[in-house]
Amino acid sequence: MTDSFRQRVLGRERLLGTFVKTPAPQIVELAALSGLDFVVLDAEHAPFDRSALDLAIMAGRGAKLAVMVRVPGYDSELVGASLDLGASGIVVPHVGDASIARRAVSPARFSGGARGLSPSVRAGGYGAMPFAEYAALADEEVTIWAQIEEPIGIENVDDILTVTGVDCLFVGRVDLAFSCGKTSVDDQYVVVATQAVCQSARRTNKAAAVFVKEIGGDSAHWSEQGVTVFVCGSDQAVLRGGFAAMRDVFLNQAD
């Protein structure tokens, strides 16, 4: 039996994924064919409604690719809906303290949480699983990532890590820099704060994640700091870069 995606996260396996900002299932299929470990459907900043999430998550499950959903907020109704559709887990933005972390985890868990139970959904095999078995399996396999994006989250990181159900701390370095009036993720405050999150996660046997524009830039440094989950770029960035490279080759041939 292969490990679930959550077990791979908690096992601190090195995992590579990307943001998907285009609501098209073919993008998810392409990510799977490329050998990525996961994708994050960006329902916070991109136009993913339930219908778009449905198709994208179905594509991921068909291709054996873990699909995370970044919801607009910790109280979003998309948490339960995304998990019912079969998402592997939820990325929750702007987690500033333990109380917010608990509110983020609650709609994603049946036992001790507030997730509504319907085994007739895709995640429950469309009713093929007894409801008690489905609820227990879901609580065991769904992974929740808390995104740390402001100084308050940095200050409260150890308390956030005590919340049952939080498996990974995902440092939003761009938002963190902006919230502090910094202009770069390479600012010393952002670097030191991110390293502190990595140390806290490692100390509590949780995973740490960062976003990087490319593998080969500062990704090696963050691997050394204990980051095991890398969200690299997005489908839009890959397309933009590919189109630009094609244009450059074309123009160079004309010279």
C-alpha atoms as a PDB file:
ATOM      1  CA  MET A   1       0.000   0.000   0.000  1.00  0.00           C
ATOM      2  CA  THR A   2       1.434   3.355  -1.005  1.00  0.00           C
ATOM      3  CA  ASP A   3       1.576   6.245   1.408  1.00  0.00           C
ATOM      4  CA  SER A   4      -1.174   8.842   1.156  1.00  0.00           C
ATOM      5  CA  PHE A   5      -0.194  12.345   0.138  1.00  0.00           C
ATOM      6  CA  ARG A   6      -0.637  13.473   3.737  1.00  0.00           C
ATOM      7  CA  GLN A   7       1.762  10.770   4.927  1.00  0.00           C
ATOM      8  CA  ARG A   8       4.278  11.929   2.350  1.00  0.00           C
ATOM      9  CA  VAL A   9       3.951  15.507   3.624  1.00  0.00           C
ATOM     10  CA  LEU A  10       4.305  14.528   7.274  1.00  0.00           C
ATOM     11  CA  GLY A  11       7.121  12.142   6.363  1.00  0.00           C
ATOM     12  CA  ARG A  12       8.992  15.217   5.128  1.00  0.00           C
ATOM     13  CA  GLU A  13       9.444  13.762   1.671  1.00  0.00           C
ATOM     14  CA  ARG A  14      10.694  16.331  -0.847  1.00  0.00           C
ATOM     15  CA  LEU A  15       7.645  17.293  -2.873  1.00  0.00           C
ATOM     16  CA  LEU A  16       7.287  19.552  -5.886  1.00  0.00           C
ATOM     17  CA  GLY A  17       4.109  21.226  -7.051  1.00  0.00           C
ATOM     18  CA  THR A  18       2.819  24.352  -8.711  1.00  0.00           C
ATOM     19  CA  PHE A  19      -0.081  26.756  -8.499  1.00  0.00           C
ATOM     20  CA  VAL A  20      -2.810  26.278 -11.072  1.00  0.00           C
ATOM     21  CA  LYS A  21      -4.591  29.527 -11.840  1.00  0.00           C
ATOM     22  CA  THR A  22      -6.385  28.529 -15.045  1.00  0.00           C
ATOM     23  CA  PRO A  23      -9.683  26.697 -14.399  1.00  0.00           C
ATOM     24  CA  ALA A  24      -9.093  23.958 -16.956  1.00  0.00           C
ATOM     25  CA  PRO A  25      -8.743  20.234 -16.139  1.00  0.00           C
ATOM     26  CA  GLN A  26      -6.228  19.780 -18.945  1.00  0.00           C
ATOM     27  CA  ILE A  27      -3.712  21.868 -16.981  1.00  0.00           C
ATOM     28  CA  VAL A  28      -3.956  19.422 -14.092  1.00  0.00           C
ATOM     29  CA  GLU A  29      -3.510  16.480 -16.456  1.00  0.00           C
ATOM     30  CA  LEU A  30      -0.393  18.083 -17.928  1.00  0.00           C
ATOM     31  CA  ALA A  31       1.056  18.643 -14.449  1.00  0.00           C
ATOM     32  CA  ALA A  32       0.495  14.967 -13.675  1.00  0.00           C
ATOM     33  CA  LEU A  33       2.087  13.844 -16.951  1.00  0.00           C
ATOM     34  CA  SER A  34       5.088  16.043 -16.132  1.00  0.00           C
ATOM     35  CA  GLY A  35       5.714  14.108 -12.925  1.00  0.00           C
ATOM     36  CA  LEU A  36       4.799  16.758 -10.353  1.00  0.00           C
ATOM     37  CA  ASP A  37       3.765  15.539  -6.920  1.00  0.00           C
ATOM     38  CA  PHE A  38       0.848  17.927  -6.501  1.00  0.00           C
ATOM     39  CA  VAL A  39      -0.900  21.063  -7.717  1.00  0.00           C
ATOM     40  CA  VAL A  40      -2.551  23.847  -5.750  1.00  0.00           C
ATOM     41  CA  LEU A  41      -5.759  25.149  -7.312  1.00  0.00           C
ATOM     42  CA  ASP A  42      -5.741  28.832  -6.434  1.00  0.00           C
ATOM     43  CA  ALA A  43      -9.325  29.597  -5.452  1.00  0.00           C
ATOM     44  CA  GLU A  44      -8.060  32.626  -3.517  1.00  0.00           C
ATOM     45  CA  HIS A  45      -6.699  34.599  -6.480  1.00  0.00           C
ATOM     46  CA  ALA A  46      -8.059  32.803  -9.565  1.00  0.00           C
ATOM     47  CA  PRO A  47     -11.625  32.210 -10.881  1.00  0.00           C
ATOM     48  CA  PHE A  48     -12.300  28.747  -9.461  1.00  0.00           C
ATOM     49  CA  ASP A  49     -15.970  28.175  -8.661  1.00  0.00           C
ATOM     50  CA  ARG A  50     -17.344  24.781  -7.600  1.00  0.00           C
ATOM     51  CA  SER A  51     -17.833  23.603 -11.173  1.00  0.00           C
ATOM     52  CA  ALA A  52     -14.246  24.435 -12.097  1.00  0.00           C
ATOM     53  CA  LEU A  53     -12.945  22.801  -8.919  1.00  0.00           C
ATOM     54  CA  ASP A  54     -15.024  19.713  -9.697  1.00  0.00           C
ATOM     55  CA  LEU A  55     -13.433  19.186 -13.117  1.00  0.00           C
ATOM     56  CA  ALA A  56      -9.890  20.009 -12.000  1.00  0.00           C
ATOM     57  CA  ILE A  57     -10.022  17.716  -8.969  1.00  0.00           C
ATOM     58  CA  MET A  58     -11.574  14.929 -11.047  1.00  0.00           C
ATOM     59  CA  ALA A  59      -8.697  15.283 -13.529  1.00  0.00           C
ATOM     60  CA  GLY A  60      -6.179  15.041 -10.708  1.00  0.00           C
ATOM     61  CA  ARG A  61      -7.735  11.963  -9.184  1.00  0.00           C
ATOM     62  CA  GLY A  62      -7.900  10.291 -12.587  1.00  0.00           C
ATOM     63  CA  ALA A  63      -4.205  10.998 -13.134  1.00  0.00           C
ATOM     64  CA  LYS A  64      -3.187   9.974  -9.565  1.00  0.00           C
ATOM     65  CA  LEU A  65      -2.055  13.512  -8.760  1.00  0.00           C
ATOM     66  CA  ALA A  66      -2.618  15.126  -5.367  1.00  0.00           C
ATOM     67  CA  VAL A  67      -4.749  18.251  -5.681  1.00  0.00           C
ATOM     68  CA  MET A  68      -4.702  20.901  -2.979  1.00  0.00           C
ATOM     69  CA  VAL A  69      -7.096  23.852  -2.954  1.00  0.00           C
ATOM     70  CA  ARG A  70      -6.130  27.267  -1.629  1.00  0.00           C
ATOM     71  CA  VAL A  71      -9.404  28.700  -0.374  1.00  0.00           C
ATOM     72  CA  PRO A  72     -10.205  32.430  -0.058  1.00  0.00           C
ATOM     73  CA  GLY A  73     -10.210  32.314   3.747  1.00  0.00           C
ATOM     74  CA  TYR A  74     -10.364  30.083   6.806  1.00  0.00           C
ATOM     75  CA  ASP A  75     -14.162  30.313   7.000  1.00  0.00           C
ATOM     76  CA  SER A  76     -14.754  29.652   3.302  1.00  0.00           C
ATOM     77  CA  GLU A  77     -17.560  27.297   2.342  1.00  0.00           C
ATOM     78  CA  LEU A  78     -15.184  25.965  -0.317  1.00  0.00           C
ATOM     79  CA  VAL A  79     -13.299  23.980   2.344  1.00  0.00           C
ATOM     80  CA  GLY A  80     -15.938  21.290   2.732  1.00  0.00           C
ATOM     81  CA  ALA A  81     -16.979  21.495  -0.916  1.00  0.00           C
ATOM     82  CA  SER A  82     -13.408  20.981  -2.150  1.00  0.00           C
ATOM     83  CA  LEU A  83     -12.892  17.983   0.113  1.00  0.00           C
ATOM     84  CA  ASP A  84     -16.219  16.455  -0.926  1.00  0.00           C
ATOM     85  CA  LEU A  85     -15.059  16.774  -4.529  1.00  0.00           C
ATOM     86  CA  GLY A  86     -11.974  14.752  -3.625  1.00  0.00           C
ATOM     87  CA  ALA A  87      -9.228  17.294  -2.931  1.00  0.00           C
ATOM     88  CA  SER A  88      -6.225  15.954  -1.041  1.00  0.00           C
ATOM     89  CA  GLY A  89      -6.227  18.935   1.277  1.00  0.00           C
ATOM     90  CA  ILE A  90      -6.635  22.630   1.853  1.00  0.00           C
ATOM     91  CA  VAL A  91      -4.216  25.560   1.917  1.00  0.00           C
ATOM     92  CA  VAL A  92      -5.567  28.228   4.265  1.00  0.00           C
ATOM     93  CA  PRO A  93      -4.255  31.786   3.806  1.00  0.00           C
ATOM     94  CA  HIS A  94      -3.494  34.378   6.492  1.00  0.00           C
ATOM     95  CA  VAL A  95      -3.255  32.123   9.543  1.00  0.00           C
ATOM     96  CA  GLY A  96      -2.096  34.494  12.271  1.00  0.00           C
ATOM     97  CA  ASP A  97      -2.645  32.562  15.477  1.00  0.00           C
ATOM     98  CA  ALA A  98      -3.811  29.280  16.959  1.00  0.00           C
ATOM     99  CA  SER A  99      -7.472  30.324  17.126  1.00  0.00           C
ATOM    100  CA  ILE A 100      -7.515  30.992  13.386  1.00  0.00           C
ATOM    101  CA  ALA A 101      -5.708  27.691  12.802  1.00  0.00           C
ATOM    102  CA  ARG A 102      -8.409  25.854  14.747  1.00  0.00           C
ATOM    103  CA  ARG A 103     -11.112  27.631  12.740  1.00  0.00           C
ATOM    104  CA  ALA A 104      -9.259  26.618   9.584  1.00  0.00           C
ATOM    105  CA  VAL A 105      -9.035  22.962  10.551  1.00  0.00           C
ATOM    106  CA  SER A 106     -12.593  22.596  11.859  1.00  0.00           C
ATOM    107  CA  PRO A 107     -14.510  22.563   8.527  1.00  0.00           C
ATOM    108  CA  ALA A 108     -11.995  20.039   7.165  1.00  0.00           C
ATOM    109  CA  ARG A 109     -12.460  17.409   9.866  1.00  0.00           C
ATOM    110  CA  PHE A 110     -15.378  15.202  10.842  1.00  0.00           C
ATOM    111  CA  SER A 111     -14.194  14.040  14.276  1.00  0.00           C
ATOM    112  CA  GLY A 112     -13.862  17.041  16.546  1.00  0.00           C
ATOM    113  CA  GLY A 113     -14.631  19.365  13.654  1.00  0.00           C
ATOM    114  CA  ALA A 114     -17.554  20.820  11.787  1.00  0.00           C
ATOM    115  CA  ARG A 115     -17.329  19.160   8.377  1.00  0.00           C
ATOM    116  CA  GLY A 116     -20.706  18.053   7.084  1.00  0.00           C
ATOM    117  CA  LEU A 117     -20.894  14.323   6.391  1.00  0.00           C
ATOM    118  CA  SER A 118     -22.227  12.972   3.103  1.00  0.00           C
ATOM    119  CA  PRO A 119     -20.691   9.710   1.879  1.00  0.00           C
ATOM    120  CA  SER A 120     -22.490  10.082  -1.463  1.00  0.00           C
ATOM    121  CA  VAL A 121     -19.868  12.534  -2.745  1.00  0.00           C
ATOM    122  CA  ARG A 122     -16.813  11.682  -4.908  1.00  0.00           C
ATOM    123  CA  ALA A 123     -14.518  11.546  -1.872  1.00  0.00           C
ATOM    124  CA  GLY A 124     -16.796   8.893  -0.368  1.00  0.00           C
ATOM    125  CA  GLY A 125     -16.897   6.772  -3.495  1.00  0.00           C
ATOM    126  CA  TYR A 126     -20.378   8.052  -4.331  1.00  0.00           C
ATOM    127  CA  GLY A 127     -21.832   6.099  -1.447  1.00  0.00           C
ATOM    128  CA  ALA A 128     -19.762   2.949  -1.875  1.00  0.00           C
ATOM    129  CA  MET A 129     -18.143   3.375   1.564  1.00  0.00           C
ATOM    130  CA  PRO A 130     -19.964   3.046   4.903  1.00  0.00           C
ATOM    131  CA  PHE A 131     -20.204   6.546   6.380  1.00  0.00           C
ATOM    132  CA  ALA A 132     -18.163   5.728   9.495  1.00  0.00           C
ATOM    133  CA  GLU A 133     -15.353   4.236   7.407  1.00  0.00           C
ATOM    134  CA  TYR A 134     -15.400   7.206   5.043  1.00  0.00           C
ATOM    135  CA  ALA A 135     -15.280   9.739   7.885  1.00  0.00           C
ATOM    136  CA  ALA A 136     -12.341   8.000   9.565  1.00  0.00           C
ATOM    137  CA  LEU A 137     -10.394   7.655   6.304  1.00  0.00           C
ATOM    138  CA  ALA A 138     -10.976  11.297   5.369  1.00  0.00           C
ATOM    139  CA  ASP A 139      -9.749  12.557   8.737  1.00  0.00           C
ATOM    140  CA  GLU A 140      -6.656  10.390   8.352  1.00  0.00           C
ATOM    141  CA  GLU A 141      -5.805  11.462   4.795  1.00  0.00           C
ATOM    142  CA  VAL A 142      -6.856  15.104   4.390  1.00  0.00           C
ATOM    143  CA  THR A 143      -3.931  17.483   4.903  1.00  0.00           C
ATOM    144  CA  ILE A 144      -4.221  21.103   6.030  1.00  0.00           C
ATOM    145  CA  TRP A 145      -1.522  23.674   5.335  1.00  0.00           C
ATOM    146  CA  ALA A 146      -1.498  26.955   7.233  1.00  0.00           C
ATOM    147  CA  GLN A 147      -0.132  29.851   5.244  1.00  0.00           C
ATOM    148  CA  ILE A 148       1.959  32.247   7.319  1.00  0.00           C
ATOM    149  CA  GLU A 149       1.907  35.647   5.642  1.00  0.00           C
ATOM    150  CA  GLU A 150       2.119  38.381   8.295  1.00  0.00           C
ATOM    151  CA  PRO A 151       4.383  39.167  11.270  1.00  0.00           C
ATOM    152  CA  ILE A 152       1.668  38.018  13.678  1.00  0.00           C
ATOM    153  CA  GLY A 153       1.845  34.548  12.147  1.00  0.00           C
ATOM    154  CA  ILE A 154       5.601  34.511  12.610  1.00  0.00           C
ATOM    155  CA  GLU A 155       5.202  35.540  16.253  1.00  0.00           C
ATOM    156  CA  ASN A 156       2.616  32.822  16.917  1.00  0.00           C
ATOM    157  CA  VAL A 157       4.122  30.033  14.838  1.00  0.00           C
ATOM    158  CA  ASP A 158       4.794  27.717  17.783  1.00  0.00           C
ATOM    159  CA  ASP A 159       1.191  28.029  18.991  1.00  0.00           C
ATOM    160  CA  ILE A 160      -0.131  27.406  15.474  1.00  0.00           C
ATOM    161  CA  LEU A 161       1.878  24.201  15.311  1.00  0.00           C
ATOM    162  CA  THR A 162       0.126  22.869  18.436  1.00  0.00           C
ATOM    163  CA  VAL A 163      -3.210  22.772  16.585  1.00  0.00           C
ATOM    164  CA  THR A 164      -4.150  19.208  15.672  1.00  0.00           C
ATOM    165  CA  GLY A 165      -4.652  18.889  11.941  1.00  0.00           C
ATOM    166  CA  VAL A 166      -2.105  21.479  10.838  1.00  0.00           C
ATOM    167  CA  ASP A 167       0.465  19.423   8.934  1.00  0.00           C
ATOM    168  CA  CYS A 168       2.471  22.028   7.090  1.00  0.00           C
ATOM    169  CA  LEU A 169       3.403  25.687   7.426  1.00  0.00           C
ATOM    170  CA  PHE A 170       3.502  27.415   4.051  1.00  0.00           C
ATOM    171  CA  VAL A 171       5.374  30.710   4.284  1.00  0.00           C
ATOM    172  CA  GLY A 172       3.890  33.312   1.942  1.00  0.00           C
ATOM    173  CA  ARG A 173       7.069  35.316   1.533  1.00  0.00           C
ATOM    174  CA  VAL A 174       5.647  37.891  -0.885  1.00  0.00           C
ATOM    175  CA  ASP A 175       2.747  38.795   1.404  1.00  0.00           C
ATOM    176  CA  LEU A 176       5.064  38.706   4.404  1.00  0.00           C
ATOM    177  CA  ALA A 177       7.440  41.148   2.754  1.00  0.00           C
ATOM    178  CA  PHE A 178       4.610  43.441   1.630  1.00  0.00           C
ATOM    179  CA  SER A 179       2.958  43.439   5.055  1.00  0.00           C
ATOM    180  CA  CYS A 180       6.225  44.695   6.566  1.00  0.00           C
ATOM    181  CA  GLY A 181       6.836  47.367   3.957  1.00  0.00           C
ATOM    182  CA  LYS A 182       9.669  45.378   2.393  1.00  0.00           C
ATOM    183  CA  THR A 183      10.232  45.235  -1.351  1.00  0.00           C
ATOM    184  CA  SER A 184      11.874  41.825  -1.718  1.00  0.00           C
ATOM    185  CA  VAL A 185      11.577  38.310  -0.358  1.00  0.00           C
ATOM    186  CA  ASP A 186      15.359  38.471   0.023  1.00  0.00           C
ATOM    187  CA  ASP A 187      15.055  41.173   2.688  1.00  0.00           C
ATOM    188  CA  GLN A 188      16.817  40.047   5.850  1.00  0.00           C
ATOM    189  CA  TYR A 189      13.643  40.150   7.945  1.00  0.00           C
ATOM    190  CA  VAL A 190      11.801  37.846   5.536  1.00  0.00           C
ATOM    191  CA  VAL A 191      14.748  35.450   5.314  1.00  0.00           C
ATOM    192  CA  VAL A 192      15.199  35.217   9.086  1.00  0.00           C
ATOM    193  CA  ALA A 193      11.450  34.883   9.697  1.00  0.00           C
ATOM    194  CA  THR A 194      11.142  32.087   7.131  1.00  0.00           C
ATOM    195  CA  GLN A 195      14.118  30.271   8.660  1.00  0.00           C
ATOM    196  CA  ALA A 196      12.449  30.515  12.077  1.00  0.00           C
ATOM    197  CA  VAL A 197       9.283  28.908  10.701  1.00  0.00           C
ATOM    198  CA  CYS A 198      11.358  26.106   9.185  1.00  0.00           C
ATOM    199  CA  GLN A 199      13.072  25.465  12.511  1.00  0.00           C
ATOM    200  CA  SER A 200       9.759  25.375  14.385  1.00  0.00           C
ATOM    201  CA  ALA A 201       8.223  22.986  11.872  1.00  0.00           C
ATOM    202  CA  ARG A 202      11.201  20.656  12.005  1.00  0.00           C
ATOM    203  CA  ARG A 203      11.196  20.706  15.822  1.00  0.00           C
ATOM    204  CA  THR A 204       7.546  19.560  15.879  1.00  0.00           C
ATOM    205  CA  ASN A 205       7.841  17.017  13.045  1.00  0.00           C
ATOM    206  CA  LYS A 206       5.687  19.099  10.729  1.00  0.00           C
ATOM    207  CA  ALA A 207       6.516  20.114   7.173  1.00  0.00           C
ATOM    208  CA  ALA A 208       7.594  23.525   5.923  1.00  0.00           C
ATOM    209  CA  ALA A 209       6.717  24.860   2.476  1.00  0.00           C
ATOM    210  CA  VAL A 210       7.763  27.863   0.419  1.00  0.00           C
ATOM    211  CA  PHE A 211       6.897  29.299  -2.970  1.00  0.00           C
ATOM    212  CA  VAL A 212       9.781  29.716  -5.408  1.00  0.00           C
ATOM    213  CA  LYS A 213       9.759  31.188  -8.892  1.00  0.00           C
ATOM    214  CA  GLU A 214      12.065  28.478 -10.169  1.00  0.00           C
ATOM    215  CA  ILE A 215      13.979  25.449  -8.995  1.00  0.00           C
ATOM    216  CA  GLY A 216      17.653  26.277  -8.882  1.00  0.00           C
ATOM    217  CA  GLY A 217      17.367  29.807  -7.551  1.00  0.00           C
ATOM    218  CA  ASP A 218      17.057  29.965  -3.783  1.00  0.00           C
ATOM    219  CA  SER A 219      15.432  26.522  -3.568  1.00  0.00           C
ATOM    220  CA  ALA A 220      18.751  24.891  -2.575  1.00  0.00           C
ATOM    221  CA  HIS A 221      19.091  27.285   0.354  1.00  0.00           C
ATOM    222  CA  TRP A 222      15.599  26.508   1.591  1.00  0.00           C
ATOM    223  CA  SER A 223      16.184  22.778   1.265  1.00  0.00           C
ATOM    224  CA  GLU A 224      19.168  23.224   3.579  1.00  0.00           C
ATOM    225  CA  GLN A 225      16.889  25.084   6.015  1.00  0.00           C
ATOM    226  CA  GLY A 226      14.498  22.141   6.170  1.00  0.00           C
ATOM    227  CA  VAL A 227      11.870  23.037   3.580  1.00  0.00           C
ATOM    228  CA  THR A 228      10.527  19.869   1.975  1.00  0.00           C
ATOM    229  CA  VAL A 229       7.476  21.167   0.077  1.00  0.00           C
ATOM    230  CA  PHE A 230       8.126  23.486  -2.854  1.00  0.00           C
ATOM    231  CA  VAL A 231       5.394  25.276  -4.784  1.00  0.00           C
ATOM    232  CA  CYS A 232       7.161  26.429  -7.922  1.00  0.00           C
ATOM    233  CA  GLY A 233       5.608  29.077 -10.149  1.00  0.00           C
ATOM    234  CA  SER A 234       2.251  28.550 -11.785  1.00  0.00           C
ATOM    235  CA  ASP A 235       0.734  27.289 -14.996  1.00  0.00           C
ATOM    236  CA  GLN A 236       0.488  30.886 -16.193  1.00  0.00           C
ATOM    237  CA  ALA A 237       4.156  31.542 -15.464  1.00  0.00           C
ATOM    238  CA  VAL A 238       5.188  28.376 -17.323  1.00  0.00           C
ATOM    239  CA  LEU A 239       3.087  29.361 -20.338  1.00  0.00           C
ATOM    240  CA  ARG A 240       4.330  32.953 -20.289  1.00  0.00           C
ATOM    241  CA  GLY A 241       7.941  31.820 -20.042  1.00  0.00           C
ATOM    242  CA  GLY A 242       7.505  29.237 -22.775  1.00  0.00           C
ATOM    243  CA  PHE A 243       5.876  31.708 -25.136  1.00  0.00           C
ATOM    244  CA  ALA A 244       8.583  34.304 -24.440  1.00  0.00           C
ATOM    245  CA  ALA A 245      11.350  31.754 -25.076  1.00  0.00           C
ATOM    246  CA  MET A 246       9.710  30.735 -28.350  1.00  0.00           C
ATOM    247  CA  ARG A 247       9.499  34.380 -29.413  1.00  0.00           C
ATOM    248  CA  ASP A 248      13.157  34.993 -28.514  1.00  0.00           C
ATOM    249  CA  VAL A 249      14.311  32.008 -30.615  1.00  0.00           C
ATOM    250  CA  PHE A 250      12.183  33.225 -33.508  1.00  0.00           C
ATOM    251  CA  LEU A 251      13.576  36.750 -33.332  1.00  0.00           C
ATOM    252  CA  ASN A 252      17.166  35.526 -33.011  1.00  0.00           C
ATOM    253  CA  GLN A 253      16.776  33.401 -36.139  1.00  0.00           C
ATOM    254  CA  ALA A 254      15.832  36.520 -38.061  1.00  0.00           C
ATOM    255  CA  ASP A 255      19.067  38.336 -37.137  1.00  0.00           C
END
